[in-house]
Amino acid sequence: HTVEKFCASGLFDCVLVLSPESWVQQTRDIIEKNCPQYSDVVRVTTGGAARNDTIMNAIRYFEESEFSTEDAILVTHDAVRPFVSLRIIEENIAAARKFGACDTVVPATDTIVESQDGAFISAIPDRSKLYQGQTPQSFHMEELRDMLVSLSDEESAVLTDACKAFTLRGHKVALVRGDVSNIKITYPQDLRVAEAMLEG
């Protein structure tokens, strides 16, 4: 479902799926079975040990492929968010072109409580200034590569979110309005919700 959303948009020269090495062939088989009409657009390759490693593998793939990376926009997305909308995808591309980096977010609806020790509240931030991150996260590919390459091993281990790394390096990261329906399927109950959304 997720791959189909990006392919059907018609906005991408390539939709690259990154998978654990032991799952690459199975991933190819699943996509070929369910999305044969997009076989000329979809590629599958090996991801990395951590999120930043996976993103770097994607960038290297494009650098070594027939696709030009000059002025290219890289839209990164969690495959476990199958309900991403065309609007969100389009606005990510536009924001990444304009600002170099963007993150998809929704306003926080629950009160967020901070605790330094896990036992007592140390702060309650102003909810009106808080957002929950979703995906896609999108970037000017060459800027993203340069930023990731510049990270030390220690920084890379801590800065596992590319948008956070951009922010801490002083780059502005634009916000793209997400949607509450752009859910992440993490737990069995999430899958039941997703199945109901597909049936509804």
N, C-alpha and C. Protein backbone atom coordinates (compact mmCIF):
# COMPACT_ATOMS: atom_id res chain seq x y z
N HIS A 1 0.83 -1.21 0.00
CA HIS A 1 0.00 0.00 0.00
C HIS A 1 0.87 1.27 0.00
N THR A 2 1.91 1.25 0.81
CA THR A 2 2.76 2.44 0.91
C THR A 2 3.49 2.71 -0.40
N VAL A 3 4.09 1.68 -0.95
CA VAL A 3 4.83 1.82 -2.22
C VAL A 3 3.90 2.33 -3.31
N GLU A 4 2.69 1.80 -3.33
CA GLU A 4 1.73 2.19 -4.37
C GLU A 4 1.39 3.67 -4.29
N LYS A 5 1.30 4.22 -3.07
CA LYS A 5 0.98 5.64 -2.91
C LYS A 5 2.02 6.51 -3.61
N PHE A 6 3.29 6.17 -3.45
CA PHE A 6 4.35 6.97 -4.05
C PHE A 6 4.44 6.75 -5.56
N CYS A 7 4.27 5.51 -5.99
CA CYS A 7 4.32 5.23 -7.43
C CYS A 7 3.16 5.89 -8.16
N ALA A 8 1.96 5.77 -7.58
CA ALA A 8 0.76 6.30 -8.24
C ALA A 8 0.77 7.81 -8.33
N SER A 9 1.57 8.47 -7.50
CA SER A 9 1.63 9.94 -7.54
C SER A 9 2.21 10.44 -8.86
N GLY A 10 3.04 9.63 -9.49
CA GLY A 10 3.69 10.05 -10.73
C GLY A 10 4.76 11.11 -10.54
N LEU A 11 5.18 11.34 -9.29
CA LEU A 11 6.11 12.42 -8.98
C LEU A 11 7.56 11.96 -8.87
N PHE A 12 7.80 10.65 -8.96
CA PHE A 12 9.13 10.13 -8.67
C PHE A 12 9.74 9.39 -9.85
N ASP A 13 11.03 9.65 -10.08
CA ASP A 13 11.78 8.89 -11.08
C ASP A 13 12.06 7.48 -10.57
N CYS A 14 12.19 7.36 -9.25
CA CYS A 14 12.47 6.06 -8.65
C CYS A 14 11.89 6.03 -7.24
N VAL A 15 11.28 4.90 -6.90
CA VAL A 15 10.83 4.64 -5.53
C VAL A 15 11.72 3.52 -5.01
N LEU A 16 12.61 3.87 -4.09
CA LEU A 16 13.60 2.92 -3.58
C LEU A 16 13.16 2.40 -2.22
N VAL A 17 13.03 1.08 -2.12
CA VAL A 17 12.66 0.44 -0.86
C VAL A 17 13.92 -0.16 -0.26
N LEU A 18 14.22 0.22 0.99
CA LEU A 18 15.40 -0.29 1.68
C LEU A 18 14.96 -1.29 2.73
N SER A 19 15.61 -2.44 2.72
CA SER A 19 15.17 -3.58 3.52
C SER A 19 16.37 -4.23 4.19
N PRO A 20 16.16 -4.93 5.32
CA PRO A 20 17.26 -5.74 5.86
C PRO A 20 17.74 -6.72 4.78
N GLU A 21 19.04 -6.98 4.78
CA GLU A 21 19.62 -7.79 3.70
C GLU A 21 18.91 -9.13 3.52
N SER A 22 18.55 -9.77 4.64
CA SER A 22 17.91 -11.09 4.56
C SER A 22 16.49 -11.03 4.01
N TRP A 23 15.93 -9.81 3.90
CA TRP A 23 14.55 -9.65 3.41
C TRP A 23 14.48 -9.04 2.02
N VAL A 24 15.61 -8.74 1.41
CA VAL A 24 15.59 -8.02 0.13
C VAL A 24 14.83 -8.79 -0.94
N GLN A 25 15.14 -10.08 -1.11
CA GLN A 25 14.46 -10.84 -2.17
C GLN A 25 12.98 -10.99 -1.87
N GLN A 26 12.63 -11.24 -0.61
CA GLN A 26 11.21 -11.36 -0.25
C GLN A 26 10.48 -10.04 -0.50
N THR A 27 11.14 -8.93 -0.19
CA THR A 27 10.54 -7.62 -0.44
C THR A 27 10.30 -7.43 -1.94
N ARG A 28 11.29 -7.79 -2.75
CA ARG A 28 11.12 -7.70 -4.21
C ARG A 28 9.93 -8.54 -4.67
N ASP A 29 9.83 -9.75 -4.13
CA ASP A 29 8.74 -10.66 -4.53
C ASP A 29 7.38 -10.09 -4.16
N ILE A 30 7.27 -9.50 -2.96
CA ILE A 30 6.00 -8.91 -2.51
C ILE A 30 5.60 -7.76 -3.42
N ILE A 31 6.56 -6.90 -3.75
CA ILE A 31 6.26 -5.75 -4.60
C ILE A 31 5.90 -6.20 -6.01
N GLU A 32 6.63 -7.18 -6.54
CA GLU A 32 6.34 -7.69 -7.88
C GLU A 32 4.94 -8.31 -7.94
N LYS A 33 4.56 -8.99 -6.87
CA LYS A 33 3.24 -9.63 -6.82
C LYS A 33 2.13 -8.60 -6.72
N ASN A 34 2.32 -7.56 -5.90
CA ASN A 34 1.25 -6.62 -5.61
C ASN A 34 1.27 -5.35 -6.46
N CYS A 35 2.43 -5.01 -7.01
CA CYS A 35 2.55 -3.77 -7.80
C CYS A 35 3.32 -4.02 -9.10
N PRO A 36 2.93 -5.03 -9.89
CA PRO A 36 3.71 -5.32 -11.11
C PRO A 36 3.74 -4.17 -12.10
N GLN A 37 2.71 -3.32 -12.06
CA GLN A 37 2.64 -2.20 -13.00
C GLN A 37 3.68 -1.13 -12.72
N TYR A 38 4.33 -1.20 -11.55
CA TYR A 38 5.33 -0.19 -11.19
C TYR A 38 6.75 -0.77 -11.18
N SER A 39 6.95 -1.90 -11.83
CA SER A 39 8.26 -2.57 -11.79
C SER A 39 9.38 -1.71 -12.39
N ASP A 40 9.02 -0.78 -13.28
CA ASP A 40 10.04 0.08 -13.89
C ASP A 40 10.43 1.25 -12.98
N VAL A 41 9.66 1.48 -11.92
CA VAL A 41 9.91 2.61 -11.01
C VAL A 41 10.51 2.14 -9.68
N VAL A 42 10.08 0.97 -9.20
CA VAL A 42 10.47 0.51 -7.87
C VAL A 42 11.78 -0.28 -7.92
N ARG A 43 12.68 0.05 -7.01
CA ARG A 43 13.93 -0.69 -6.81
C ARG A 43 13.99 -1.09 -5.34
N VAL A 44 14.69 -2.19 -5.06
CA VAL A 44 14.87 -2.65 -3.68
C VAL A 44 16.36 -2.85 -3.44
N THR A 45 16.84 -2.33 -2.31
CA THR A 45 18.24 -2.55 -1.95
C THR A 45 18.35 -2.68 -0.43
N THR A 46 19.56 -2.91 0.04
CA THR A 46 19.79 -3.17 1.46
C THR A 46 19.84 -1.88 2.26
N GLY A 47 19.17 -1.90 3.41
CA GLY A 47 19.21 -0.77 4.32
C GLY A 47 20.47 -0.81 5.18
N GLY A 48 20.44 -0.08 6.28
CA GLY A 48 21.61 -0.03 7.16
C GLY A 48 21.25 -0.44 8.57
N ALA A 49 22.26 -0.42 9.44
CA ALA A 49 22.06 -0.82 10.83
C ALA A 49 21.21 0.19 11.59
N ALA A 50 21.30 1.46 11.21
CA ALA A 50 20.53 2.53 11.84
C ALA A 50 19.90 3.39 10.76
N ARG A 51 19.01 4.28 11.16
CA ARG A 51 18.26 5.09 10.20
C ARG A 51 19.19 5.91 9.29
N ASN A 52 20.19 6.56 9.89
CA ASN A 52 21.11 7.37 9.08
C ASN A 52 21.90 6.51 8.09
N ASP A 53 22.26 5.28 8.52
CA ASP A 53 22.96 4.37 7.61
C ASP A 53 22.07 4.00 6.43
N THR A 54 20.80 3.78 6.71
CA THR A 54 19.85 3.45 5.64
C THR A 54 19.73 4.61 4.65
N ILE A 55 19.63 5.83 5.18
CA ILE A 55 19.54 7.00 4.30
C ILE A 55 20.81 7.13 3.45
N MET A 56 21.98 6.91 4.07
CA MET A 56 23.23 7.00 3.30
C MET A 56 23.29 5.91 2.23
N ASN A 57 22.78 4.72 2.53
CA ASN A 57 22.73 3.67 1.52
C ASN A 57 21.86 4.09 0.34
N ALA A 58 20.75 4.76 0.64
CA ALA A 58 19.88 5.25 -0.43
C ALA A 58 20.60 6.28 -1.28
N ILE A 59 21.28 7.21 -0.64
CA ILE A 59 22.01 8.25 -1.38
C ILE A 59 23.09 7.63 -2.25
N ARG A 60 23.85 6.68 -1.69
CA ARG A 60 24.89 6.00 -2.48
C ARG A 60 24.29 5.27 -3.67
N TYR A 61 23.14 4.64 -3.44
CA TYR A 61 22.47 3.92 -4.53
C TYR A 61 22.19 4.88 -5.69
N PHE A 62 21.64 6.04 -5.36
CA PHE A 62 21.31 7.00 -6.42
C PHE A 62 22.57 7.57 -7.07
N GLU A 63 23.62 7.79 -6.28
CA GLU A 63 24.86 8.32 -6.84
C GLU A 63 25.50 7.34 -7.83
N GLU A 64 25.29 6.05 -7.58
CA GLU A 64 25.89 5.02 -8.43
C GLU A 64 24.94 4.54 -9.53
N SER A 65 23.74 5.10 -9.58
CA SER A 65 22.73 4.67 -10.55
C SER A 65 22.69 5.62 -11.74
N GLU A 66 21.71 5.38 -12.60
CA GLU A 66 21.53 6.25 -13.77
C GLU A 66 20.80 7.54 -13.43
N PHE A 67 20.36 7.68 -12.19
CA PHE A 67 19.60 8.86 -11.80
C PHE A 67 20.54 9.99 -11.38
N SER A 68 20.24 11.19 -11.83
CA SER A 68 21.05 12.35 -11.45
C SER A 68 20.67 12.80 -10.04
N THR A 69 21.69 13.08 -9.23
CA THR A 69 21.42 13.57 -7.87
C THR A 69 21.51 15.09 -7.80
N GLU A 70 21.89 15.73 -8.89
CA GLU A 70 21.99 17.19 -8.90
C GLU A 70 20.60 17.79 -8.77
N ASP A 71 20.42 18.61 -7.75
CA ASP A 71 19.13 19.25 -7.45
C ASP A 71 18.03 18.24 -7.14
N ALA A 72 18.40 16.99 -6.83
CA ALA A 72 17.39 15.96 -6.55
C ALA A 72 16.81 16.15 -5.15
N ILE A 73 15.54 15.79 -5.01
CA ILE A 73 14.87 15.79 -3.71
C ILE A 73 14.71 14.35 -3.26
N LEU A 74 15.14 14.07 -2.03
CA LEU A 74 14.99 12.74 -1.45
C LEU A 74 13.85 12.79 -0.44
N VAL A 75 12.80 12.02 -0.69
CA VAL A 75 11.65 11.94 0.20
C VAL A 75 11.78 10.62 0.96
N THR A 76 12.00 10.69 2.28
CA THR A 76 12.14 9.48 3.09
C THR A 76 10.84 9.22 3.83
N HIS A 77 10.44 7.95 3.88
CA HIS A 77 9.14 7.64 4.47
C HIS A 77 9.18 6.28 5.14
N ASP A 78 8.46 6.15 6.26
CA ASP A 78 8.33 4.86 6.94
C ASP A 78 7.32 4.01 6.18
N ALA A 79 7.75 2.81 5.76
CA ALA A 79 6.83 1.92 5.03
C ALA A 79 5.62 1.54 5.87
N VAL A 80 5.74 1.68 7.19
CA VAL A 80 4.63 1.32 8.08
C VAL A 80 3.62 2.46 8.24
N ARG A 81 3.70 3.46 7.35
CA ARG A 81 2.69 4.53 7.29
C ARG A 81 2.03 4.48 5.91
N PRO A 82 1.09 3.53 5.70
CA PRO A 82 0.51 3.33 4.37
C PRO A 82 -0.56 4.34 3.97
N PHE A 83 -0.97 5.21 4.88
CA PHE A 83 -2.07 6.13 4.58
C PHE A 83 -1.60 7.55 4.28
N VAL A 84 -0.33 7.70 3.93
CA VAL A 84 0.17 9.02 3.54
C VAL A 84 -0.62 9.50 2.33
N SER A 85 -0.94 10.79 2.32
CA SER A 85 -1.78 11.33 1.24
C SER A 85 -0.94 11.98 0.15
N LEU A 86 -1.55 12.14 -1.02
CA LEU A 86 -0.89 12.83 -2.13
C LEU A 86 -0.55 14.26 -1.73
N ARG A 87 -1.45 14.92 -0.99
CA ARG A 87 -1.17 16.29 -0.55
C ARG A 87 0.11 16.36 0.27
N ILE A 88 0.26 15.44 1.22
CA ILE A 88 1.45 15.44 2.07
C ILE A 88 2.71 15.23 1.22
N ILE A 89 2.64 14.31 0.28
CA ILE A 89 3.80 14.05 -0.59
C ILE A 89 4.14 15.29 -1.42
N GLU A 90 3.13 15.89 -2.03
CA GLU A 90 3.36 17.08 -2.86
C GLU A 90 3.94 18.23 -2.03
N GLU A 91 3.39 18.45 -0.83
CA GLU A 91 3.87 19.55 0.01
C GLU A 91 5.28 19.29 0.53
N ASN A 92 5.63 18.02 0.75
CA ASN A 92 7.00 17.69 1.14
C ASN A 92 7.98 18.06 0.04
N ILE A 93 7.67 17.70 -1.18
CA ILE A 93 8.56 18.00 -2.30
C ILE A 93 8.73 19.51 -2.45
N ALA A 94 7.61 20.23 -2.38
CA ALA A 94 7.67 21.69 -2.53
C ALA A 94 8.49 22.33 -1.41
N ALA A 95 8.28 21.88 -0.16
CA ALA A 95 9.01 22.47 0.98
C ALA A 95 10.49 22.13 0.93
N ALA A 96 10.82 20.91 0.52
CA ALA A 96 12.24 20.52 0.43
C ALA A 96 12.93 21.32 -0.67
N ARG A 97 12.24 21.58 -1.78
CA ARG A 97 12.82 22.39 -2.85
C ARG A 97 13.08 23.82 -2.36
N LYS A 98 12.13 24.35 -1.59
CA LYS A 98 12.22 25.75 -1.15
C LYS A 98 13.19 25.94 0.01
N PHE A 99 13.17 25.01 0.98
CA PHE A 99 13.92 25.22 2.22
C PHE A 99 15.10 24.26 2.41
N GLY A 100 15.17 23.19 1.63
CA GLY A 100 16.26 22.23 1.76
C GLY A 100 15.95 21.05 2.66
N ALA A 101 15.03 21.24 3.62
CA ALA A 101 14.65 20.15 4.52
C ALA A 101 13.27 20.43 5.10
N CYS A 102 12.50 19.36 5.30
CA CYS A 102 11.17 19.52 5.93
C CYS A 102 10.78 18.25 6.65
N ASP A 103 9.87 18.41 7.60
CA ASP A 103 9.36 17.29 8.40
C ASP A 103 7.85 17.37 8.40
N THR A 104 7.20 16.23 8.35
CA THR A 104 5.74 16.17 8.40
C THR A 104 5.31 16.04 9.86
N VAL A 105 4.41 16.91 10.30
CA VAL A 105 4.03 16.94 11.72
C VAL A 105 2.53 17.18 11.87
N VAL A 106 2.02 16.81 13.04
CA VAL A 106 0.66 17.18 13.44
C VAL A 106 0.76 17.83 14.82
N PRO A 107 -0.11 18.81 15.12
CA PRO A 107 -0.07 19.44 16.45
C PRO A 107 -0.29 18.40 17.55
N ALA A 108 0.46 18.54 18.64
CA ALA A 108 0.28 17.63 19.78
C ALA A 108 -1.09 17.87 20.40
N THR A 109 -1.83 16.80 20.62
CA THR A 109 -3.16 16.93 21.22
C THR A 109 -3.16 16.52 22.69
N ASP A 110 -2.23 15.67 23.07
CA ASP A 110 -2.10 15.28 24.47
C ASP A 110 -1.11 16.20 25.17
N THR A 111 -1.28 16.36 26.47
CA THR A 111 -0.29 17.09 27.25
C THR A 111 0.98 16.25 27.33
N ILE A 112 2.11 16.86 27.01
CA ILE A 112 3.40 16.17 27.05
C ILE A 112 4.07 16.47 28.39
N VAL A 113 4.45 15.43 29.10
CA VAL A 113 5.08 15.57 30.41
C VAL A 113 6.54 15.17 30.30
N GLU A 114 7.43 16.02 30.83
CA GLU A 114 8.86 15.70 30.84
C GLU A 114 9.27 15.25 32.23
N SER A 115 10.08 14.19 32.27
CA SER A 115 10.61 13.70 33.54
C SER A 115 12.08 13.40 33.37
N GLN A 116 12.90 13.96 34.25
CA GLN A 116 14.34 13.72 34.18
C GLN A 116 14.73 12.37 34.76
N ASP A 117 13.94 11.87 35.72
CA ASP A 117 14.32 10.64 36.42
C ASP A 117 13.34 9.49 36.19
N GLY A 118 12.27 9.73 35.45
CA GLY A 118 11.30 8.66 35.20
C GLY A 118 10.36 8.40 36.35
N ALA A 119 10.46 9.19 37.40
CA ALA A 119 9.62 8.99 38.58
C ALA A 119 8.75 10.20 38.89
N PHE A 120 9.26 11.41 38.59
CA PHE A 120 8.54 12.64 38.91
C PHE A 120 8.57 13.59 37.72
N ILE A 121 7.52 14.42 37.62
CA ILE A 121 7.46 15.42 36.56
C ILE A 121 8.50 16.50 36.81
N SER A 122 9.28 16.81 35.79
CA SER A 122 10.23 17.91 35.91
C SER A 122 9.78 19.13 35.11
N ALA A 123 8.93 18.92 34.10
CA ALA A 123 8.41 20.05 33.32
C ALA A 123 7.21 19.60 32.50
N ILE A 124 6.33 20.56 32.23
CA ILE A 124 5.21 20.32 31.31
C ILE A 124 5.30 21.40 30.24
N PRO A 125 5.85 21.07 29.07
CA PRO A 125 6.01 22.08 28.01
C PRO A 125 4.67 22.61 27.52
N ASP A 126 4.71 23.81 26.94
CA ASP A 126 3.53 24.43 26.36
C ASP A 126 3.11 23.64 25.13
N ARG A 127 1.96 22.98 25.23
CA ARG A 127 1.50 22.10 24.15
C ARG A 127 1.27 22.84 22.84
N SER A 128 0.94 24.12 22.91
CA SER A 128 0.64 24.88 21.68
C SER A 128 1.87 25.02 20.79
N LYS A 129 3.06 24.76 21.36
CA LYS A 129 4.29 24.86 20.58
C LYS A 129 4.87 23.49 20.21
N LEU A 130 4.13 22.43 20.52
CA LEU A 130 4.63 21.07 20.31
C LEU A 130 3.91 20.38 19.16
N TYR A 131 4.65 19.58 18.43
CA TYR A 131 4.10 18.81 17.31
C TYR A 131 4.61 17.37 17.41
N GLN A 132 3.82 16.47 16.88
CA GLN A 132 4.24 15.08 16.80
C GLN A 132 4.76 14.82 15.39
N GLY A 133 5.96 14.23 15.31
CA GLY A 133 6.56 13.97 14.01
C GLY A 133 5.95 12.76 13.34
N GLN A 134 5.73 12.89 12.04
CA GLN A 134 5.33 11.76 11.21
C GLN A 134 6.42 11.59 10.15
N THR A 135 6.09 10.95 9.06
CA THR A 135 6.90 11.00 7.85
C THR A 135 5.93 11.18 6.71
N PRO A 136 6.42 11.70 5.57
CA PRO A 136 7.79 11.80 5.11
C PRO A 136 8.61 12.88 5.82
N GLN A 137 9.93 12.69 5.74
CA GLN A 137 10.91 13.75 5.95
C GLN A 137 11.63 13.89 4.61
N SER A 138 11.76 15.11 4.13
CA SER A 138 12.28 15.30 2.77
C SER A 138 13.41 16.32 2.74
N PHE A 139 14.34 16.11 1.81
CA PHE A 139 15.58 16.90 1.81
C PHE A 139 16.09 17.12 0.39
N HIS A 140 16.85 18.20 0.25
CA HIS A 140 17.69 18.34 -0.94
C HIS A 140 18.79 17.29 -0.76
N MET A 141 18.87 16.34 -1.69
CA MET A 141 19.71 15.16 -1.48
C MET A 141 21.17 15.50 -1.21
N GLU A 142 21.74 16.43 -1.95
CA GLU A 142 23.16 16.73 -1.78
C GLU A 142 23.43 17.41 -0.44
N GLU A 143 22.50 18.26 0.01
CA GLU A 143 22.65 18.89 1.34
C GLU A 143 22.58 17.84 2.43
N LEU A 144 21.66 16.89 2.28
CA LEU A 144 21.52 15.82 3.27
C LEU A 144 22.79 14.97 3.32
N ARG A 145 23.31 14.61 2.17
CA ARG A 145 24.54 13.81 2.12
C ARG A 145 25.68 14.55 2.82
N ASP A 146 25.86 15.82 2.48
CA ASP A 146 26.96 16.59 3.07
C ASP A 146 26.82 16.68 4.59
N MET A 147 25.59 16.85 5.06
CA MET A 147 25.37 16.96 6.50
C MET A 147 25.66 15.63 7.19
N LEU A 148 25.18 14.51 6.63
CA LEU A 148 25.40 13.21 7.26
C LEU A 148 26.87 12.83 7.26
N VAL A 149 27.58 13.14 6.17
CA VAL A 149 29.01 12.83 6.09
C VAL A 149 29.80 13.63 7.12
N SER A 150 29.32 14.83 7.45
CA SER A 150 30.04 15.70 8.39
C SER A 150 29.89 15.26 9.85
N LEU A 151 28.94 14.35 10.14
CA LEU A 151 28.73 13.92 11.52
C LEU A 151 29.86 13.00 11.98
N SER A 152 30.31 13.21 13.21
CA SER A 152 31.26 12.28 13.80
C SER A 152 30.51 10.99 14.16
N ASP A 153 31.25 9.93 14.48
CA ASP A 153 30.60 8.67 14.88
C ASP A 153 29.73 8.89 16.12
N GLU A 154 30.23 9.73 17.05
CA GLU A 154 29.48 10.00 18.27
C GLU A 154 28.19 10.75 17.96
N GLU A 155 28.28 11.75 17.08
CA GLU A 155 27.09 12.52 16.70
C GLU A 155 26.09 11.64 15.97
N SER A 156 26.60 10.81 15.07
CA SER A 156 25.72 9.94 14.29
C SER A 156 24.97 8.96 15.18
N ALA A 157 25.63 8.51 16.25
CA ALA A 157 24.99 7.57 17.17
C ALA A 157 23.85 8.23 17.94
N VAL A 158 23.98 9.53 18.20
CA VAL A 158 22.97 10.27 18.98
C VAL A 158 21.91 10.88 18.07
N LEU A 159 22.35 11.45 16.94
CA LEU A 159 21.44 12.16 16.04
C LEU A 159 20.85 11.19 15.03
N THR A 160 19.95 10.34 15.50
CA THR A 160 19.38 9.29 14.64
C THR A 160 18.26 9.82 13.75
N ASP A 161 17.86 11.06 13.95
CA ASP A 161 16.82 11.67 13.12
C ASP A 161 17.48 12.77 12.29
N ALA A 162 17.36 12.66 10.96
CA ALA A 162 18.04 13.61 10.08
C ALA A 162 17.57 15.04 10.30
N CYS A 163 16.28 15.23 10.57
CA CYS A 163 15.77 16.58 10.82
C CYS A 163 16.37 17.17 12.09
N LYS A 164 16.55 16.34 13.11
CA LYS A 164 17.17 16.81 14.35
C LYS A 164 18.61 17.22 14.08
N ALA A 165 19.31 16.43 13.27
CA ALA A 165 20.70 16.76 12.94
C ALA A 165 20.77 18.07 12.18
N PHE A 166 19.86 18.28 11.22
CA PHE A 166 19.81 19.54 10.48
C PHE A 166 19.60 20.71 11.44
N THR A 167 18.64 20.55 12.36
CA THR A 167 18.30 21.62 13.29
C THR A 167 19.48 21.97 14.19
N LEU A 168 20.14 20.95 14.73
CA LEU A 168 21.27 21.19 15.63
C LEU A 168 22.47 21.76 14.90
N ARG A 169 22.53 21.58 13.59
CA ARG A 169 23.60 22.18 12.78
C ARG A 169 23.24 23.58 12.30
N GLY A 170 22.09 24.09 12.76
CA GLY A 170 21.71 25.46 12.45
C GLY A 170 20.91 25.64 11.17
N HIS A 171 20.49 24.53 10.55
CA HIS A 171 19.67 24.62 9.35
C HIS A 171 18.20 24.72 9.74
N LYS A 172 17.44 25.50 9.00
CA LYS A 172 16.00 25.56 9.23
C LYS A 172 15.33 24.36 8.58
N VAL A 173 14.43 23.72 9.32
CA VAL A 173 13.66 22.59 8.81
C VAL A 173 12.20 23.01 8.80
N ALA A 174 11.60 23.07 7.62
CA ALA A 174 10.22 23.53 7.48
C ALA A 174 9.24 22.46 7.97
N LEU A 175 8.08 22.92 8.42
CA LEU A 175 7.02 22.01 8.84
C LEU A 175 6.02 21.82 7.71
N VAL A 176 5.64 20.57 7.46
CA VAL A 176 4.56 20.25 6.53
C VAL A 176 3.43 19.66 7.36
N ARG A 177 2.22 20.15 7.13
CA ARG A 177 1.07 19.68 7.89
C ARG A 177 0.76 18.22 7.56
N GLY A 178 0.81 17.37 8.57
CA GLY A 178 0.49 15.96 8.39
C GLY A 178 -0.99 15.71 8.51
N ASP A 179 -1.34 14.51 8.90
CA ASP A 179 -2.75 14.15 9.04
C ASP A 179 -2.86 13.04 10.07
N VAL A 180 -3.90 13.10 10.89
CA VAL A 180 -4.07 12.07 11.92
C VAL A 180 -4.28 10.69 11.30
N SER A 181 -4.72 10.65 10.05
CA SER A 181 -4.92 9.35 9.39
C SER A 181 -3.60 8.73 8.93
N ASN A 182 -2.52 9.50 8.95
CA ASN A 182 -1.21 9.01 8.52
C ASN A 182 -0.57 8.23 9.67
N ILE A 183 -1.24 7.16 10.07
CA ILE A 183 -0.84 6.42 11.27
C ILE A 183 0.36 5.52 10.99
N LYS A 184 1.08 5.22 12.06
CA LYS A 184 2.22 4.31 12.00
C LYS A 184 1.79 2.97 12.57
N ILE A 185 1.96 1.91 11.79
CA ILE A 185 1.55 0.58 12.25
C ILE A 185 2.71 -0.04 13.02
N THR A 186 2.58 -0.02 14.35
CA THR A 186 3.65 -0.50 15.22
C THR A 186 3.20 -1.73 16.02
N TYR A 187 1.97 -1.69 16.51
CA TYR A 187 1.45 -2.74 17.38
C TYR A 187 0.29 -3.47 16.70
N PRO A 188 -0.06 -4.68 17.18
CA PRO A 188 -1.17 -5.43 16.56
C PRO A 188 -2.47 -4.63 16.48
N GLN A 189 -2.76 -3.81 17.49
CA GLN A 189 -3.99 -3.02 17.44
C GLN A 189 -3.95 -1.98 16.33
N ASP A 190 -2.74 -1.49 16.00
CA ASP A 190 -2.60 -0.55 14.88
C ASP A 190 -2.98 -1.23 13.57
N LEU A 191 -2.61 -2.49 13.43
CA LEU A 191 -2.93 -3.24 12.22
C LEU A 191 -4.44 -3.41 12.08
N ARG A 192 -5.11 -3.64 13.20
CA ARG A 192 -6.58 -3.76 13.16
C ARG A 192 -7.22 -2.44 12.74
N VAL A 193 -6.69 -1.33 13.24
CA VAL A 193 -7.20 -0.02 12.83
C VAL A 193 -6.96 0.20 11.35
N ALA A 194 -5.77 -0.17 10.87
CA ALA A 194 -5.44 0.00 9.45
C ALA A 194 -6.35 -0.83 8.57
N GLU A 195 -6.62 -2.05 8.97
CA GLU A 195 -7.51 -2.91 8.19
C GLU A 195 -8.91 -2.32 8.12
N ALA A 196 -9.37 -1.75 9.24
CA ALA A 196 -10.69 -1.12 9.25
C ALA A 196 -10.71 0.10 8.33
N MET A 197 -9.61 0.86 8.31
CA MET A 197 -9.54 2.04 7.44
C MET A 197 -9.56 1.62 5.96
N LEU A 198 -8.89 0.51 5.64
CA LEU A 198 -8.87 0.03 4.26
C LEU A 198 -10.25 -0.46 3.83
N GLU A 199 -10.95 -1.10 4.76
CA GLU A 199 -12.29 -1.63 4.44
C GLU A 199 -13.32 -0.52 4.37
N GLY A 200 -13.10 0.56 5.16
CA GLY A 200 -14.08 1.63 5.24
C GLY A 200 -14.02 2.56 4.08
